[in-house]
Amino acid sequence: MATLGDAISAWGKIAFTVILIIGYGFLTYYQIKGNSQGISELKLMIEELRTFDQREIEIISNRSNKRYERIEFQIEDLKSKIKQNSQEDIETIKELYYLKGQLNK
């Protein structure tokens, strides 16, 4: 009887250990599966952020280009105004000399 009890006890321990190992294996499998699903979701989020960043960079670049073009236009406009003012100054100086000549007569 004692040997039968020892055999049952030994087989019970073995069965318990096998059940624990199998349970731990399933637990590990589901954790790995859950982690891989989480990793896939993270990859999708990273890709969405990357495309969002690229769109933002394009928008900022377009704004910068428009600012640059606007500044170029303003510079050309100022150059033409300066040229026009220079011509007006020359005409005014000519008139002053003409009037001064008329006064000296």
N, C-alpha and C. Protein backbone atom coordinates (compact mmCIF):
# COMPACT_ATOMS: atom_id res chain seq x y z
N MET A 1 0.81 -1.18 0.00
CA MET A 1 0.00 0.00 0.00
C MET A 1 0.86 1.25 0.00
N ALA A 2 1.93 1.16 0.75
CA ALA A 2 2.81 2.32 0.84
C ALA A 2 3.45 2.59 -0.51
N THR A 3 3.82 1.49 -1.21
CA THR A 3 4.45 1.70 -2.52
C THR A 3 3.44 2.26 -3.52
N LEU A 4 2.17 1.82 -3.39
CA LEU A 4 1.15 2.36 -4.28
C LEU A 4 0.91 3.83 -3.98
N GLY A 5 0.90 4.18 -2.73
CA GLY A 5 0.74 5.59 -2.34
C GLY A 5 1.91 6.42 -2.84
N ASP A 6 3.12 5.87 -2.72
CA ASP A 6 4.30 6.59 -3.22
C ASP A 6 4.24 6.74 -4.74
N ALA A 7 3.76 5.70 -5.44
CA ALA A 7 3.67 5.76 -6.90
C ALA A 7 2.65 6.80 -7.33
N ILE A 8 1.49 6.80 -6.65
CA ILE A 8 0.46 7.80 -6.96
C ILE A 8 0.98 9.19 -6.66
N SER A 9 1.66 9.35 -5.56
CA SER A 9 2.22 10.64 -5.19
C SER A 9 3.25 11.10 -6.22
N ALA A 10 4.11 10.18 -6.67
CA ALA A 10 5.12 10.53 -7.66
C ALA A 10 4.46 10.90 -8.99
N TRP A 11 3.48 10.06 -9.42
CA TRP A 11 2.77 10.37 -10.68
C TRP A 11 1.95 11.65 -10.54
N GLY A 12 1.43 11.90 -9.39
CA GLY A 12 0.67 13.14 -9.14
C GLY A 12 1.58 14.36 -9.28
N LYS A 13 2.79 14.22 -8.70
CA LYS A 13 3.74 15.33 -8.82
C LYS A 13 4.15 15.55 -10.28
N ILE A 14 4.37 14.43 -10.97
CA ILE A 14 4.75 14.54 -12.38
C ILE A 14 3.61 15.17 -13.18
N ALA A 15 2.37 14.71 -12.95
CA ALA A 15 1.21 15.24 -13.67
C ALA A 15 1.03 16.72 -13.34
N PHE A 16 1.17 17.09 -12.09
CA PHE A 16 1.05 18.49 -11.68
C PHE A 16 2.11 19.34 -12.36
N THR A 17 3.34 18.85 -12.41
CA THR A 17 4.44 19.57 -13.05
C THR A 17 4.17 19.73 -14.55
N VAL A 18 3.68 18.64 -15.19
CA VAL A 18 3.37 18.71 -16.62
C VAL A 18 2.25 19.73 -16.86
N ILE A 19 1.23 19.73 -16.04
CA ILE A 19 0.12 20.69 -16.18
C ILE A 19 0.64 22.12 -16.00
N LEU A 20 1.51 22.33 -15.02
CA LEU A 20 2.09 23.66 -14.82
C LEU A 20 2.91 24.10 -16.04
N ILE A 21 3.70 23.20 -16.57
CA ILE A 21 4.55 23.53 -17.74
C ILE A 21 3.66 23.87 -18.94
N ILE A 22 2.62 23.05 -19.18
CA ILE A 22 1.70 23.31 -20.29
C ILE A 22 0.97 24.64 -20.08
N GLY A 23 0.52 24.88 -18.86
CA GLY A 23 -0.16 26.16 -18.55
C GLY A 23 0.76 27.34 -18.75
N TYR A 24 1.99 27.21 -18.29
CA TYR A 24 2.97 28.28 -18.47
C TYR A 24 3.25 28.50 -19.96
N GLY A 25 3.30 27.40 -20.72
CA GLY A 25 3.51 27.51 -22.18
C GLY A 25 2.37 28.27 -22.85
N PHE A 26 1.10 27.92 -22.49
CA PHE A 26 -0.03 28.65 -23.05
C PHE A 26 -0.02 30.12 -22.65
N LEU A 27 0.29 30.39 -21.40
CA LEU A 27 0.36 31.77 -20.91
C LEU A 27 1.42 32.55 -21.69
N THR A 28 2.56 31.95 -21.88
CA THR A 28 3.64 32.59 -22.63
C THR A 28 3.21 32.83 -24.08
N TYR A 29 2.55 31.84 -24.69
CA TYR A 29 2.08 31.97 -26.07
C TYR A 29 1.13 33.16 -26.20
N TYR A 30 0.16 33.25 -25.30
CA TYR A 30 -0.81 34.36 -25.40
C TYR A 30 -0.17 35.71 -25.11
N GLN A 31 0.82 35.73 -24.24
CA GLN A 31 1.54 36.99 -24.01
C GLN A 31 2.30 37.41 -25.25
N ILE A 32 2.96 36.46 -25.89
CA ILE A 32 3.70 36.77 -27.12
C ILE A 32 2.73 37.23 -28.21
N LYS A 33 1.60 36.53 -28.33
CA LYS A 33 0.61 36.90 -29.33
C LYS A 33 0.08 38.31 -29.05
N GLY A 34 -0.21 38.62 -27.81
CA GLY A 34 -0.69 39.95 -27.45
C GLY A 34 0.36 41.02 -27.71
N ASN A 35 1.61 40.70 -27.39
CA ASN A 35 2.69 41.66 -27.63
C ASN A 35 2.88 41.91 -29.12
N SER A 36 2.80 40.85 -29.93
CA SER A 36 2.98 41.03 -31.37
C SER A 36 1.83 41.85 -31.94
N GLN A 37 0.65 41.68 -31.41
CA GLN A 37 -0.49 42.50 -31.86
C GLN A 37 -0.27 43.96 -31.45
N GLY A 38 0.23 44.17 -30.24
CA GLY A 38 0.54 45.52 -29.80
C GLY A 38 1.64 46.16 -30.64
N ILE A 39 2.63 45.36 -31.01
CA ILE A 39 3.72 45.86 -31.86
C ILE A 39 3.18 46.25 -33.23
N SER A 40 2.26 45.45 -33.77
CA SER A 40 1.67 45.79 -35.07
C SER A 40 0.91 47.11 -34.99
N GLU A 41 0.17 47.31 -33.91
CA GLU A 41 -0.55 48.57 -33.73
C GLU A 41 0.42 49.74 -33.60
N LEU A 42 1.52 49.53 -32.87
CA LEU A 42 2.52 50.59 -32.75
C LEU A 42 3.14 50.93 -34.10
N LYS A 43 3.39 49.91 -34.92
CA LYS A 43 3.95 50.16 -36.25
C LYS A 43 2.99 51.01 -37.08
N LEU A 44 1.69 50.70 -37.01
CA LEU A 44 0.70 51.49 -37.73
C LEU A 44 0.67 52.93 -37.23
N MET A 45 0.73 53.10 -35.90
CA MET A 45 0.73 54.45 -35.34
C MET A 45 1.96 55.24 -35.79
N ILE A 46 3.11 54.58 -35.79
CA ILE A 46 4.35 55.24 -36.21
C ILE A 46 4.25 55.65 -37.67
N GLU A 47 3.71 54.78 -38.50
CA GLU A 47 3.56 55.10 -39.93
C GLU A 47 2.60 56.28 -40.13
N GLU A 48 1.50 56.31 -39.36
CA GLU A 48 0.57 57.43 -39.44
C GLU A 48 1.25 58.73 -39.02
N LEU A 49 2.04 58.67 -37.95
CA LEU A 49 2.76 59.87 -37.50
C LEU A 49 3.77 60.32 -38.54
N ARG A 50 4.44 59.37 -39.18
CA ARG A 50 5.43 59.70 -40.20
C ARG A 50 4.76 60.42 -41.38
N THR A 51 3.62 59.90 -41.85
CA THR A 51 2.92 60.56 -42.96
C THR A 51 2.40 61.92 -42.53
N PHE A 52 1.93 62.04 -41.29
CA PHE A 52 1.45 63.33 -40.78
C PHE A 52 2.59 64.33 -40.76
N ASP A 53 3.77 63.90 -40.27
CA ASP A 53 4.94 64.78 -40.24
C ASP A 53 5.34 65.21 -41.64
N GLN A 54 5.30 64.30 -42.59
CA GLN A 54 5.66 64.66 -43.97
C GLN A 54 4.71 65.70 -44.52
N ARG A 55 3.40 65.54 -44.24
CA ARG A 55 2.43 66.54 -44.71
C ARG A 55 2.68 67.89 -44.06
N GLU A 56 2.99 67.89 -42.77
CA GLU A 56 3.28 69.14 -42.07
C GLU A 56 4.52 69.83 -42.64
N ILE A 57 5.53 69.04 -42.95
CA ILE A 57 6.76 69.60 -43.53
C ILE A 57 6.44 70.22 -44.90
N GLU A 58 5.61 69.55 -45.70
CA GLU A 58 5.23 70.09 -47.00
C GLU A 58 4.48 71.41 -46.84
N ILE A 59 3.57 71.47 -45.88
CA ILE A 59 2.79 72.69 -45.65
C ILE A 59 3.71 73.83 -45.23
N ILE A 60 4.62 73.55 -44.32
CA ILE A 60 5.56 74.58 -43.86
C ILE A 60 6.46 75.02 -45.01
N SER A 61 6.89 74.08 -45.81
CA SER A 61 7.74 74.40 -46.96
C SER A 61 7.00 75.30 -47.94
N ASN A 62 5.73 74.97 -48.21
CA ASN A 62 4.94 75.80 -49.12
C ASN A 62 4.75 77.20 -48.56
N ARG A 63 4.53 77.30 -47.27
CA ARG A 63 4.39 78.62 -46.65
C ARG A 63 5.68 79.41 -46.80
N SER A 64 6.82 78.75 -46.58
CA SER A 64 8.11 79.42 -46.70
C SER A 64 8.32 79.90 -48.13
N ASN A 65 7.98 79.05 -49.10
CA ASN A 65 8.13 79.44 -50.51
C ASN A 65 7.25 80.65 -50.83
N LYS A 66 6.03 80.66 -50.32
CA LYS A 66 5.14 81.78 -50.58
C LYS A 66 5.67 83.06 -49.93
N ARG A 67 6.21 82.94 -48.72
CA ARG A 67 6.81 84.11 -48.08
C ARG A 67 7.98 84.64 -48.89
N TYR A 68 8.81 83.72 -49.36
CA TYR A 68 9.98 84.11 -50.14
C TYR A 68 9.54 84.83 -51.42
N GLU A 69 8.53 84.29 -52.12
CA GLU A 69 8.04 84.92 -53.34
C GLU A 69 7.44 86.29 -53.04
N ARG A 70 6.70 86.40 -51.94
CA ARG A 70 6.11 87.68 -51.56
C ARG A 70 7.19 88.71 -51.26
N ILE A 71 8.25 88.30 -50.58
CA ILE A 71 9.35 89.21 -50.26
C ILE A 71 10.06 89.64 -51.54
N GLU A 72 10.27 88.70 -52.47
CA GLU A 72 10.89 89.06 -53.74
C GLU A 72 10.06 90.11 -54.48
N PHE A 73 8.74 89.91 -54.49
CA PHE A 73 7.86 90.87 -55.15
C PHE A 73 7.95 92.24 -54.47
N GLN A 74 7.97 92.26 -53.15
CA GLN A 74 8.09 93.53 -52.43
C GLN A 74 9.41 94.22 -52.72
N ILE A 75 10.48 93.45 -52.83
CA ILE A 75 11.79 94.04 -53.14
C ILE A 75 11.76 94.67 -54.53
N GLU A 76 11.20 93.97 -55.49
CA GLU A 76 11.12 94.53 -56.85
C GLU A 76 10.26 95.79 -56.85
N ASP A 77 9.17 95.76 -56.11
CA ASP A 77 8.31 96.93 -56.01
C ASP A 77 9.06 98.12 -55.39
N LEU A 78 9.82 97.85 -54.34
CA LEU A 78 10.60 98.92 -53.70
C LEU A 78 11.67 99.46 -54.64
N LYS A 79 12.31 98.58 -55.40
CA LYS A 79 13.32 99.02 -56.36
C LYS A 79 12.70 99.96 -57.39
N SER A 80 11.52 99.58 -57.90
CA SER A 80 10.88 100.44 -58.89
C SER A 80 10.46 101.78 -58.27
N LYS A 81 10.00 101.77 -57.03
CA LYS A 81 9.63 103.03 -56.36
C LYS A 81 10.85 103.90 -56.13
N ILE A 82 11.97 103.29 -55.75
CA ILE A 82 13.20 104.06 -55.54
C ILE A 82 13.65 104.68 -56.86
N LYS A 83 13.57 103.91 -57.93
CA LYS A 83 13.95 104.42 -59.25
C LYS A 83 13.04 105.58 -59.65
N GLN A 84 11.74 105.40 -59.39
CA GLN A 84 10.77 106.45 -59.71
C GLN A 84 11.03 107.70 -58.87
N ASN A 85 11.32 107.50 -57.59
CA ASN A 85 11.62 108.64 -56.72
C ASN A 85 12.90 109.34 -57.16
N SER A 86 13.87 108.57 -57.62
CA SER A 86 15.12 109.18 -58.10
C SER A 86 14.83 110.05 -59.31
N GLN A 87 13.98 109.57 -60.21
CA GLN A 87 13.63 110.37 -61.40
C GLN A 87 12.88 111.64 -60.98
N GLU A 88 11.98 111.50 -60.00
CA GLU A 88 11.24 112.67 -59.51
C GLU A 88 12.19 113.67 -58.86
N ASP A 89 13.19 113.15 -58.11
CA ASP A 89 14.18 114.04 -57.50
C ASP A 89 14.96 114.80 -58.56
N ILE A 90 15.34 114.11 -59.62
CA ILE A 90 16.09 114.76 -60.71
C ILE A 90 15.23 115.84 -61.36
N GLU A 91 13.96 115.54 -61.59
CA GLU A 91 13.06 116.53 -62.19
C GLU A 91 12.88 117.72 -61.26
N THR A 92 12.77 117.47 -59.96
CA THR A 92 12.62 118.56 -59.00
C THR A 92 13.87 119.43 -58.96
N ILE A 93 15.03 118.82 -59.00
CA ILE A 93 16.30 119.58 -59.00
C ILE A 93 16.38 120.43 -60.27
N LYS A 94 15.99 119.87 -61.42
CA LYS A 94 15.99 120.64 -62.67
C LYS A 94 15.08 121.85 -62.56
N GLU A 95 13.89 121.64 -61.98
CA GLU A 95 12.94 122.75 -61.83
C GLU A 95 13.50 123.81 -60.90
N LEU A 96 14.17 123.35 -59.80
CA LEU A 96 14.75 124.32 -58.88
C LEU A 96 15.82 125.17 -59.57
N TYR A 97 16.67 124.52 -60.35
CA TYR A 97 17.70 125.27 -61.07
C TYR A 97 17.08 126.20 -62.10
N TYR A 98 16.02 125.75 -62.73
CA TYR A 98 15.34 126.60 -63.71
C TYR A 98 14.77 127.83 -63.02
N LEU A 99 14.06 127.62 -61.87
CA LEU A 99 13.49 128.75 -61.13
C LEU A 99 14.57 129.66 -60.60
N LYS A 100 15.68 129.08 -60.15
CA LYS A 100 16.79 129.88 -59.65
C LYS A 100 17.37 130.73 -60.79
N GLY A 101 17.42 130.16 -61.98
CA GLY A 101 17.90 130.90 -63.17
C GLY A 101 16.93 132.01 -63.53
N GLN A 102 15.66 131.75 -63.38
CA GLN A 102 14.67 132.79 -63.67
C GLN A 102 14.75 133.91 -62.67
N LEU A 103 15.03 133.61 -61.42
CA LEU A 103 15.14 134.64 -60.39
C LEU A 103 16.40 135.48 -60.59
N ASN A 104 17.44 134.88 -61.09
CA ASN A 104 18.70 135.60 -61.27
C ASN A 104 18.63 136.56 -62.46
N LYS A 105 17.69 136.46 -63.33
CA LYS A 105 17.61 137.35 -64.48
C LYS A 105 17.21 138.72 -64.13
